[in-house]
Amino acid sequence: MLAHSQSKKQNSYRKSSVAVLCDIQNVLRIKDTANFLLDFAKLQGRVDYKKFYYNSHYPSQVSIKDILETLDFESVDVTDPSLNSADHRLVADCVKLFAPQHSPIPKIIILVSGDWDYAGLITILQAMDKKVIVFAQKGSASAKLMNLVGKNNFYFLDELPELIKNITQIYVPAIK
């Protein structure tokens, strides 16, 4: 039993560390797909960080906050009314994940936002050899952002249920 326990523990250490960062100001539909987002993240590796950014002055964002907190996401209330304040906070928090004293350092970053403001962060992460996956809401996704991460790392939130179904069909053989 001990050998099995140690082998399971070692296997979890081999999985890539994943960080999920969500700017819900840009993706209000996350409330309907948050469970699928976590399922997707777990298929990528070990989810060590789950954080979202919202503004408590907006009731629609507070209701989404309540849903995400039940899934153990850490919430960051950005009430600063200045332009892109949540974006700046998310970028600053993401950068902190790569400080030398921080552990584990994520290998995969799942960014939930279609905002072009994250292009600089994505470019830096890619230069650091980090895999960046973006989920956006249809109608609010930047075409430039799609091109920056590539079609294999860009998805719409509405596609998450089907994406999870397709991935699990590939990796989980049918039991007959």
N, C-alpha and C. Protein backbone atom coordinates (compact mmCIF):
# COMPACT_ATOMS: atom_id res chain seq x y z
N MET A 1 0.83 -1.20 0.00
CA MET A 1 0.00 0.00 0.00
C MET A 1 0.87 1.26 0.00
N LEU A 2 1.94 1.25 0.78
CA LEU A 2 2.83 2.40 0.85
C LEU A 2 3.47 2.68 -0.50
N ALA A 3 3.90 1.61 -1.20
CA ALA A 3 4.52 1.79 -2.52
C ALA A 3 3.53 2.44 -3.48
N HIS A 4 2.27 2.00 -3.45
CA HIS A 4 1.25 2.59 -4.32
C HIS A 4 1.05 4.06 -3.97
N SER A 5 1.00 4.38 -2.70
CA SER A 5 0.81 5.76 -2.25
C SER A 5 1.97 6.64 -2.70
N GLN A 6 3.22 6.14 -2.57
CA GLN A 6 4.38 6.92 -2.99
C GLN A 6 4.39 7.09 -4.50
N SER A 7 4.03 6.04 -5.24
CA SER A 7 4.02 6.13 -6.69
C SER A 7 2.97 7.15 -7.15
N LYS A 8 1.83 7.16 -6.50
CA LYS A 8 0.77 8.12 -6.83
C LYS A 8 1.25 9.55 -6.54
N LYS A 9 1.95 9.72 -5.42
CA LYS A 9 2.47 11.03 -5.03
C LYS A 9 3.52 11.50 -6.04
N GLN A 10 4.43 10.61 -6.44
CA GLN A 10 5.46 10.97 -7.41
C GLN A 10 4.82 11.34 -8.74
N ASN A 11 3.79 10.62 -9.15
CA ASN A 11 3.12 10.90 -10.40
C ASN A 11 2.50 12.29 -10.38
N SER A 12 1.93 12.71 -9.25
CA SER A 12 1.33 14.04 -9.18
C SER A 12 2.39 15.13 -9.27
N TYR A 13 3.62 14.83 -8.82
CA TYR A 13 4.70 15.82 -8.93
C TYR A 13 5.17 15.97 -10.37
N ARG A 14 5.02 14.94 -11.18
CA ARG A 14 5.46 14.99 -12.56
C ARG A 14 4.52 15.81 -13.44
N LYS A 15 3.30 15.95 -13.03
CA LYS A 15 2.35 16.71 -13.83
C LYS A 15 2.77 18.18 -13.86
N SER A 16 2.51 18.82 -14.98
CA SER A 16 2.82 20.24 -15.11
C SER A 16 1.92 21.06 -14.20
N SER A 17 2.51 22.07 -13.61
CA SER A 17 1.73 22.99 -12.79
C SER A 17 0.92 23.91 -13.70
N VAL A 18 -0.34 24.10 -13.35
CA VAL A 18 -1.26 24.92 -14.15
C VAL A 18 -1.78 26.07 -13.31
N ALA A 19 -1.83 27.25 -13.92
CA ALA A 19 -2.45 28.42 -13.29
C ALA A 19 -3.63 28.85 -14.16
N VAL A 20 -4.78 29.07 -13.52
CA VAL A 20 -5.98 29.54 -14.21
C VAL A 20 -6.26 30.95 -13.70
N LEU A 21 -6.21 31.91 -14.61
CA LEU A 21 -6.44 33.32 -14.26
C LEU A 21 -7.58 33.83 -15.12
N CYS A 22 -8.58 34.40 -14.47
CA CYS A 22 -9.82 34.76 -15.16
C CYS A 22 -10.22 36.21 -14.86
N ASP A 23 -10.39 36.97 -15.93
CA ASP A 23 -10.89 38.34 -15.83
C ASP A 23 -12.38 38.29 -16.16
N ILE A 24 -13.22 38.16 -15.13
CA ILE A 24 -14.65 37.94 -15.42
C ILE A 24 -15.35 39.17 -15.97
N GLN A 25 -14.70 40.33 -15.93
CA GLN A 25 -15.31 41.51 -16.54
C GLN A 25 -15.48 41.30 -18.04
N ASN A 26 -14.63 40.48 -18.63
CA ASN A 26 -14.68 40.24 -20.07
C ASN A 26 -15.38 38.94 -20.45
N VAL A 27 -15.66 38.10 -19.47
CA VAL A 27 -16.21 36.77 -19.79
C VAL A 27 -17.32 36.40 -18.80
N LEU A 28 -18.41 37.12 -18.85
CA LEU A 28 -19.50 36.89 -17.92
C LEU A 28 -20.12 35.49 -18.08
N ARG A 29 -19.94 34.87 -19.23
CA ARG A 29 -20.50 33.53 -19.46
C ARG A 29 -19.75 32.44 -18.71
N ILE A 30 -18.68 32.79 -18.04
CA ILE A 30 -17.92 31.80 -17.28
C ILE A 30 -18.81 31.12 -16.24
N LYS A 31 -19.85 31.80 -15.81
CA LYS A 31 -20.74 31.23 -14.79
C LYS A 31 -21.37 29.92 -15.25
N ASP A 32 -21.54 29.76 -16.56
CA ASP A 32 -22.17 28.55 -17.10
C ASP A 32 -21.17 27.45 -17.42
N THR A 33 -19.88 27.78 -17.46
CA THR A 33 -18.89 26.80 -17.93
C THR A 33 -17.72 26.61 -16.96
N ALA A 34 -17.81 27.16 -15.77
CA ALA A 34 -16.68 27.11 -14.83
C ALA A 34 -16.27 25.67 -14.50
N ASN A 35 -17.23 24.78 -14.30
CA ASN A 35 -16.90 23.38 -14.01
C ASN A 35 -16.12 22.75 -15.17
N PHE A 36 -16.55 23.05 -16.38
CA PHE A 36 -15.86 22.52 -17.56
C PHE A 36 -14.45 23.11 -17.67
N LEU A 37 -14.30 24.39 -17.32
CA LEU A 37 -12.98 25.01 -17.35
C LEU A 37 -12.03 24.29 -16.40
N LEU A 38 -12.51 23.97 -15.21
CA LEU A 38 -11.66 23.23 -14.26
C LEU A 38 -11.35 21.83 -14.76
N ASP A 39 -12.31 21.17 -15.36
CA ASP A 39 -12.06 19.85 -15.94
C ASP A 39 -10.97 19.95 -17.01
N PHE A 40 -11.07 20.96 -17.85
CA PHE A 40 -10.06 21.17 -18.90
C PHE A 40 -8.69 21.41 -18.27
N ALA A 41 -8.64 22.27 -17.26
CA ALA A 41 -7.37 22.58 -16.60
C ALA A 41 -6.74 21.33 -15.99
N LYS A 42 -7.56 20.50 -15.38
CA LYS A 42 -7.05 19.26 -14.77
C LYS A 42 -6.51 18.30 -15.82
N LEU A 43 -7.06 18.33 -17.01
CA LEU A 43 -6.54 17.49 -18.08
C LEU A 43 -5.18 17.99 -18.57
N GLN A 44 -4.87 19.26 -18.30
CA GLN A 44 -3.58 19.84 -18.69
C GLN A 44 -2.47 19.51 -17.70
N GLY A 45 -2.85 19.35 -16.43
CA GLY A 45 -1.85 19.09 -15.40
C GLY A 45 -2.43 19.28 -14.02
N ARG A 46 -1.59 19.62 -13.07
CA ARG A 46 -1.99 19.82 -11.68
C ARG A 46 -2.36 21.30 -11.48
N VAL A 47 -3.59 21.57 -11.14
CA VAL A 47 -4.06 22.95 -11.00
C VAL A 47 -3.63 23.47 -9.63
N ASP A 48 -2.60 24.29 -9.64
CA ASP A 48 -2.06 24.85 -8.40
C ASP A 48 -2.59 26.24 -8.08
N TYR A 49 -3.08 26.94 -9.10
CA TYR A 49 -3.55 28.31 -8.91
C TYR A 49 -4.85 28.52 -9.66
N LYS A 50 -5.84 29.07 -8.95
CA LYS A 50 -7.13 29.42 -9.57
C LYS A 50 -7.52 30.77 -9.00
N LYS A 51 -7.49 31.78 -9.84
CA LYS A 51 -7.78 33.12 -9.35
C LYS A 51 -8.60 33.86 -10.39
N PHE A 52 -9.56 34.65 -9.91
CA PHE A 52 -10.33 35.48 -10.82
C PHE A 52 -10.43 36.89 -10.28
N TYR A 53 -10.69 37.80 -11.19
CA TYR A 53 -10.71 39.23 -10.90
C TYR A 53 -12.08 39.78 -11.28
N TYR A 54 -12.65 40.54 -10.36
CA TYR A 54 -13.99 41.06 -10.58
C TYR A 54 -14.11 42.41 -9.87
N ASN A 55 -15.24 43.09 -10.08
CA ASN A 55 -15.51 44.37 -9.43
C ASN A 55 -16.84 44.23 -8.68
N SER A 56 -16.78 44.34 -7.36
CA SER A 56 -17.97 44.13 -6.52
C SER A 56 -19.03 45.22 -6.68
N HIS A 57 -18.73 46.26 -7.43
CA HIS A 57 -19.73 47.30 -7.70
C HIS A 57 -20.73 46.86 -8.77
N TYR A 58 -20.47 45.71 -9.40
CA TYR A 58 -21.35 45.21 -10.46
C TYR A 58 -22.01 43.91 -9.99
N PRO A 59 -23.32 43.93 -9.75
CA PRO A 59 -24.03 42.74 -9.25
C PRO A 59 -23.83 41.49 -10.13
N SER A 60 -23.75 41.67 -11.44
CA SER A 60 -23.57 40.50 -12.31
C SER A 60 -22.22 39.83 -12.04
N GLN A 61 -21.22 40.61 -11.73
CA GLN A 61 -19.90 40.05 -11.41
C GLN A 61 -19.89 39.40 -10.03
N VAL A 62 -20.64 39.95 -9.10
CA VAL A 62 -20.72 39.37 -7.75
C VAL A 62 -21.39 38.00 -7.81
N SER A 63 -22.42 37.86 -8.63
CA SER A 63 -23.08 36.56 -8.72
C SER A 63 -22.14 35.51 -9.32
N ILE A 64 -21.30 35.92 -10.25
CA ILE A 64 -20.31 34.99 -10.82
C ILE A 64 -19.24 34.67 -9.77
N LYS A 65 -18.86 35.66 -8.99
CA LYS A 65 -17.89 35.46 -7.91
C LYS A 65 -18.37 34.36 -6.97
N ASP A 66 -19.64 34.41 -6.62
CA ASP A 66 -20.20 33.41 -5.71
C ASP A 66 -20.08 32.00 -6.28
N ILE A 67 -20.32 31.86 -7.58
CA ILE A 67 -20.20 30.55 -8.23
C ILE A 67 -18.75 30.08 -8.22
N LEU A 68 -17.83 30.95 -8.61
CA LEU A 68 -16.42 30.55 -8.70
C LEU A 68 -15.81 30.25 -7.33
N GLU A 69 -16.26 30.95 -6.31
CA GLU A 69 -15.74 30.66 -4.97
C GLU A 69 -16.16 29.27 -4.49
N THR A 70 -17.31 28.78 -4.92
CA THR A 70 -17.70 27.42 -4.55
C THR A 70 -16.78 26.38 -5.19
N LEU A 71 -16.06 26.79 -6.24
CA LEU A 71 -15.12 25.90 -6.93
C LEU A 71 -13.68 26.15 -6.45
N ASP A 72 -13.56 26.84 -5.32
CA ASP A 72 -12.26 27.12 -4.69
C ASP A 72 -11.36 28.06 -5.48
N PHE A 73 -11.94 28.90 -6.29
CA PHE A 73 -11.16 29.96 -6.92
C PHE A 73 -10.90 31.04 -5.88
N GLU A 74 -9.74 31.63 -5.93
CA GLU A 74 -9.44 32.79 -5.09
C GLU A 74 -9.98 34.01 -5.82
N SER A 75 -10.68 34.87 -5.10
CA SER A 75 -11.26 36.05 -5.73
C SER A 75 -10.45 37.29 -5.39
N VAL A 76 -10.36 38.19 -6.38
CA VAL A 76 -9.68 39.46 -6.19
C VAL A 76 -10.66 40.55 -6.62
N ASP A 77 -11.09 41.33 -5.66
CA ASP A 77 -12.05 42.41 -5.93
C ASP A 77 -11.26 43.65 -6.33
N VAL A 78 -11.40 44.05 -7.59
CA VAL A 78 -10.70 45.22 -8.12
C VAL A 78 -11.73 46.31 -8.31
N THR A 79 -11.86 47.17 -7.31
CA THR A 79 -12.88 48.22 -7.37
C THR A 79 -12.34 49.54 -7.93
N ASP A 80 -11.07 49.56 -8.23
CA ASP A 80 -10.44 50.74 -8.83
C ASP A 80 -11.16 51.05 -10.14
N PRO A 81 -11.74 52.26 -10.28
CA PRO A 81 -12.52 52.56 -11.48
C PRO A 81 -11.67 52.91 -12.71
N SER A 82 -10.36 52.98 -12.56
CA SER A 82 -9.54 53.37 -13.70
C SER A 82 -9.54 52.29 -14.77
N LEU A 83 -9.30 52.72 -15.99
CA LEU A 83 -9.34 51.85 -17.14
C LEU A 83 -8.36 50.69 -17.00
N ASN A 84 -8.81 49.48 -17.26
CA ASN A 84 -7.99 48.27 -17.26
C ASN A 84 -7.37 47.93 -15.90
N SER A 85 -7.97 48.37 -14.82
CA SER A 85 -7.40 48.10 -13.49
C SER A 85 -7.37 46.60 -13.18
N ALA A 86 -8.40 45.86 -13.56
CA ALA A 86 -8.39 44.42 -13.32
C ALA A 86 -7.32 43.74 -14.18
N ASP A 87 -7.17 44.20 -15.41
CA ASP A 87 -6.14 43.66 -16.29
C ASP A 87 -4.76 43.84 -15.67
N HIS A 88 -4.50 45.03 -15.16
CA HIS A 88 -3.18 45.32 -14.56
C HIS A 88 -2.94 44.45 -13.33
N ARG A 89 -3.96 44.25 -12.55
CA ARG A 89 -3.81 43.42 -11.34
C ARG A 89 -3.56 41.96 -11.70
N LEU A 90 -4.29 41.47 -12.70
CA LEU A 90 -4.09 40.09 -13.15
C LEU A 90 -2.66 39.91 -13.67
N VAL A 91 -2.18 40.84 -14.48
CA VAL A 91 -0.82 40.75 -15.02
C VAL A 91 0.20 40.75 -13.89
N ALA A 92 0.03 41.64 -12.92
CA ALA A 92 0.97 41.72 -11.79
C ALA A 92 0.98 40.42 -11.00
N ASP A 93 -0.19 39.86 -10.75
CA ASP A 93 -0.26 38.60 -10.00
C ASP A 93 0.35 37.45 -10.79
N CYS A 94 0.15 37.44 -12.10
CA CYS A 94 0.72 36.39 -12.93
C CYS A 94 2.25 36.47 -12.90
N VAL A 95 2.79 37.67 -13.00
CA VAL A 95 4.25 37.85 -12.97
C VAL A 95 4.82 37.32 -11.66
N LYS A 96 4.12 37.54 -10.56
CA LYS A 96 4.59 37.06 -9.24
C LYS A 96 4.71 35.53 -9.20
N LEU A 97 3.93 34.83 -10.01
CA LEU A 97 4.00 33.37 -10.04
C LEU A 97 5.36 32.87 -10.52
N PHE A 98 6.13 33.73 -11.16
CA PHE A 98 7.41 33.32 -11.74
C PHE A 98 8.61 33.85 -10.98
N ALA A 99 8.36 34.39 -9.80
CA ALA A 99 9.47 34.84 -8.95
C ALA A 99 10.26 33.61 -8.50
N PRO A 100 11.58 33.75 -8.37
CA PRO A 100 12.42 32.60 -8.02
C PRO A 100 11.99 31.88 -6.74
N GLN A 101 11.49 32.60 -5.76
CA GLN A 101 11.11 31.98 -4.50
C GLN A 101 9.73 31.33 -4.56
N HIS A 102 9.03 31.49 -5.66
CA HIS A 102 7.67 30.95 -5.79
C HIS A 102 7.74 29.50 -6.24
N SER A 103 6.93 28.66 -5.64
CA SER A 103 6.93 27.26 -6.03
C SER A 103 5.54 26.68 -5.82
N PRO A 104 5.06 25.87 -6.71
CA PRO A 104 5.65 25.51 -7.99
C PRO A 104 5.42 26.61 -9.02
N ILE A 105 6.35 26.70 -9.96
CA ILE A 105 6.21 27.68 -11.04
C ILE A 105 5.38 27.04 -12.14
N PRO A 106 4.31 27.70 -12.56
CA PRO A 106 3.44 27.09 -13.57
C PRO A 106 4.14 26.91 -14.91
N LYS A 107 3.82 25.82 -15.56
CA LYS A 107 4.29 25.56 -16.92
C LYS A 107 3.20 25.94 -17.92
N ILE A 108 1.94 25.88 -17.45
CA ILE A 108 0.79 26.17 -18.31
C ILE A 108 -0.05 27.25 -17.65
N ILE A 109 -0.39 28.28 -18.42
CA ILE A 109 -1.25 29.36 -17.93
C ILE A 109 -2.51 29.36 -18.79
N ILE A 110 -3.63 29.22 -18.12
CA ILE A 110 -4.92 29.32 -18.80
C ILE A 110 -5.48 30.69 -18.46
N LEU A 111 -5.59 31.51 -19.48
CA LEU A 111 -6.07 32.88 -19.32
C LEU A 111 -7.49 32.95 -19.86
N VAL A 112 -8.41 33.37 -19.02
CA VAL A 112 -9.81 33.45 -19.43
C VAL A 112 -10.14 34.92 -19.63
N SER A 113 -10.02 35.34 -20.87
CA SER A 113 -10.30 36.71 -21.28
C SER A 113 -9.99 36.82 -22.76
N GLY A 114 -10.74 37.60 -23.48
CA GLY A 114 -10.45 37.78 -24.90
C GLY A 114 -9.83 39.13 -25.18
N ASP A 115 -9.34 39.76 -24.14
CA ASP A 115 -8.87 41.14 -24.20
C ASP A 115 -7.45 41.24 -24.76
N TRP A 116 -7.26 42.06 -25.76
CA TRP A 116 -5.95 42.27 -26.37
C TRP A 116 -4.95 42.85 -25.38
N ASP A 117 -5.42 43.43 -24.29
CA ASP A 117 -4.52 44.02 -23.28
C ASP A 117 -3.55 42.99 -22.71
N TYR A 118 -3.84 41.71 -22.85
CA TYR A 118 -2.97 40.67 -22.31
C TYR A 118 -1.90 40.21 -23.29
N ALA A 119 -1.82 40.82 -24.46
CA ALA A 119 -0.85 40.41 -25.48
C ALA A 119 0.58 40.49 -24.97
N GLY A 120 0.92 41.54 -24.26
CA GLY A 120 2.28 41.68 -23.73
C GLY A 120 2.62 40.56 -22.76
N LEU A 121 1.71 40.27 -21.85
CA LEU A 121 1.91 39.19 -20.89
C LEU A 121 2.08 37.86 -21.62
N ILE A 122 1.22 37.60 -22.58
CA ILE A 122 1.28 36.34 -23.31
C ILE A 122 2.61 36.20 -24.05
N THR A 123 3.05 37.27 -24.67
CA THR A 123 4.32 37.25 -25.40
C THR A 123 5.49 36.93 -24.46
N ILE A 124 5.48 37.52 -23.29
CA ILE A 124 6.54 37.26 -22.30
C ILE A 124 6.47 35.80 -21.83
N LEU A 125 5.28 35.32 -21.52
CA LEU A 125 5.13 33.94 -21.07
C LEU A 125 5.60 32.95 -22.14
N GLN A 126 5.26 33.22 -23.38
CA GLN A 126 5.69 32.34 -24.47
C GLN A 126 7.21 32.38 -24.61
N ALA A 127 7.82 33.55 -24.44
CA ALA A 127 9.28 33.66 -24.50
C ALA A 127 9.94 32.87 -23.36
N MET A 128 9.21 32.70 -22.26
CA MET A 128 9.71 31.91 -21.13
C MET A 128 9.40 30.42 -21.31
N ASP A 129 8.92 30.06 -22.49
CA ASP A 129 8.58 28.67 -22.82
C ASP A 129 7.41 28.14 -21.99
N LYS A 130 6.47 29.02 -21.70
CA LYS A 130 5.24 28.62 -21.00
C LYS A 130 4.14 28.44 -22.05
N LYS A 131 3.32 27.44 -21.82
CA LYS A 131 2.17 27.22 -22.70
C LYS A 131 1.05 28.12 -22.23
N VAL A 132 0.51 28.92 -23.13
CA VAL A 132 -0.59 29.82 -22.80
C VAL A 132 -1.82 29.39 -23.59
N ILE A 133 -2.89 29.14 -22.85
CA ILE A 133 -4.17 28.76 -23.45
C ILE A 133 -5.16 29.85 -23.09
N VAL A 134 -5.89 30.33 -24.08
CA VAL A 134 -6.85 31.42 -23.86
C VAL A 134 -8.26 30.92 -24.13
N PHE A 135 -9.15 31.26 -23.20
CA PHE A 135 -10.58 31.06 -23.38
C PHE A 135 -11.23 32.43 -23.40
N ALA A 136 -12.09 32.66 -24.38
CA ALA A 136 -12.75 33.96 -24.51
C ALA A 136 -14.24 33.75 -24.74
N GLN A 137 -14.95 34.83 -24.63
CA GLN A 137 -16.39 34.82 -24.88
C GLN A 137 -16.61 35.24 -26.32
N LYS A 138 -17.47 34.52 -27.02
CA LYS A 138 -17.77 34.90 -28.41
C LYS A 138 -18.27 36.33 -28.44
N GLY A 139 -17.80 37.06 -29.43
CA GLY A 139 -18.22 38.44 -29.59
C GLY A 139 -17.33 39.44 -28.87
N SER A 140 -16.45 38.95 -27.98
CA SER A 140 -15.57 39.89 -27.28
C SER A 140 -14.10 39.47 -27.37
N ALA A 141 -13.82 38.57 -28.29
CA ALA A 141 -12.45 38.08 -28.42
C ALA A 141 -11.70 38.86 -29.49
N SER A 142 -10.49 39.22 -29.17
CA SER A 142 -9.63 39.93 -30.11
C SER A 142 -9.05 38.94 -31.12
N ALA A 143 -9.21 39.24 -32.41
CA ALA A 143 -8.64 38.39 -33.45
C ALA A 143 -7.12 38.35 -33.33
N LYS A 144 -6.53 39.46 -32.92
CA LYS A 144 -5.06 39.50 -32.75
C LYS A 144 -4.64 38.54 -31.63
N LEU A 145 -5.44 38.48 -30.58
CA LEU A 145 -5.14 37.57 -29.47
C LEU A 145 -5.22 36.12 -29.94
N MET A 146 -6.24 35.81 -30.74
CA MET A 146 -6.37 34.46 -31.29
C MET A 146 -5.12 34.08 -32.08
N ASN A 147 -4.66 35.00 -32.91
CA ASN A 147 -3.47 34.73 -33.72
C ASN A 147 -2.22 34.59 -32.87
N LEU A 148 -2.14 35.34 -31.80
CA LEU A 148 -0.96 35.32 -30.94
C LEU A 148 -0.77 33.96 -30.27
N VAL A 149 -1.84 33.35 -29.78
CA VAL A 149 -1.70 32.05 -29.11
C VAL A 149 -1.86 30.88 -30.07
N GLY A 150 -2.43 31.12 -31.23
CA GLY A 150 -2.61 30.05 -32.21
C GLY A 150 -3.92 29.33 -32.02
N LYS A 151 -4.38 28.74 -33.09
CA LYS A 151 -5.71 28.10 -33.07
C LYS A 151 -5.78 26.90 -32.14
N ASN A 152 -4.65 26.25 -31.85
CA ASN A 152 -4.66 25.09 -30.96
C ASN A 152 -4.67 25.46 -29.48
N ASN A 153 -4.52 26.74 -29.19
CA ASN A 153 -4.51 27.21 -27.80
C ASN A 153 -5.53 28.31 -27.54
N PHE A 154 -6.50 28.43 -28.42
CA PHE A 154 -7.55 29.44 -28.27
C PHE A 154 -8.91 28.76 -28.40
N TYR A 155 -9.78 29.03 -27.43
CA TYR A 155 -11.11 28.43 -27.43
C TYR A 155 -12.15 29.44 -26.95
N PHE A 156 -13.38 29.18 -27.33
CA PHE A 156 -14.49 29.96 -26.80
C PHE A 156 -15.10 29.21 -25.62
N LEU A 157 -15.55 29.95 -24.62
CA LEU A 157 -16.15 29.34 -23.44
C LEU A 157 -17.32 28.43 -23.80
N ASP A 158 -18.10 28.85 -24.79
CA ASP A 158 -19.27 28.07 -25.20
C ASP A 158 -18.87 26.68 -25.71
N GLU A 159 -17.61 26.53 -26.15
CA GLU A 159 -17.14 25.26 -26.70
C GLU A 159 -16.65 24.30 -25.62
N LEU A 160 -16.53 24.75 -24.39
CA LEU A 160 -15.94 23.93 -23.34
C LEU A 160 -16.62 22.57 -23.14
N PRO A 161 -17.93 22.48 -23.04
CA PRO A 161 -18.54 21.16 -22.85
C PRO A 161 -18.15 20.16 -23.95
N GLU A 162 -18.21 20.61 -25.20
CA GLU A 162 -17.86 19.74 -26.32
C GLU A 162 -16.36 19.43 -26.33
N LEU A 163 -15.55 20.40 -25.99
CA LEU A 163 -14.10 20.21 -25.92
C LEU A 163 -13.74 19.14 -24.90
N ILE A 164 -14.33 19.21 -23.72
CA ILE A 164 -14.08 18.22 -22.67
C ILE A 164 -14.53 16.84 -23.14
N LYS A 165 -15.69 16.78 -23.75
CA LYS A 165 -16.21 15.51 -24.26
C LYS A 165 -15.24 14.90 -25.27
N ASN A 166 -14.75 15.71 -26.20
CA ASN A 166 -13.84 15.22 -27.22
C ASN A 166 -12.51 14.76 -26.63
N ILE A 167 -11.97 15.52 -25.69
CA ILE A 167 -10.69 15.16 -25.08
C ILE A 167 -10.82 13.86 -24.29
N THR A 168 -11.87 13.75 -23.51
CA THR A 168 -12.01 12.54 -22.69
C THR A 168 -12.29 11.32 -23.55
N GLN A 169 -12.94 11.48 -24.70
CA GLN A 169 -13.15 10.35 -25.60
C GLN A 169 -11.82 9.88 -26.19
N ILE A 170 -10.91 10.80 -26.41
CA ILE A 170 -9.60 10.44 -26.96
C ILE A 170 -8.78 9.69 -25.93
N TYR A 171 -8.78 10.16 -24.67
CA TYR A 171 -7.90 9.61 -23.65
C TYR A 171 -8.51 8.51 -22.79
N VAL A 172 -9.81 8.39 -22.78
CA VAL A 172 -10.45 7.37 -21.96
C VAL A 172 -11.11 6.35 -22.87
N PRO A 173 -10.53 5.17 -22.98
CA PRO A 173 -11.13 4.16 -23.87
C PRO A 173 -12.49 3.71 -23.36
N ALA A 174 -13.35 3.43 -24.29
CA ALA A 174 -14.70 2.97 -23.93
C ALA A 174 -14.61 1.59 -23.29
N ILE A 175 -15.40 1.39 -22.25
CA ILE A 175 -15.47 0.10 -21.58
C ILE A 175 -16.57 -0.71 -22.23
N LYS A 176 -16.20 -1.91 -22.66
CA LYS A 176 -17.19 -2.75 -23.36
C LYS A 176 -17.60 -3.91 -22.51
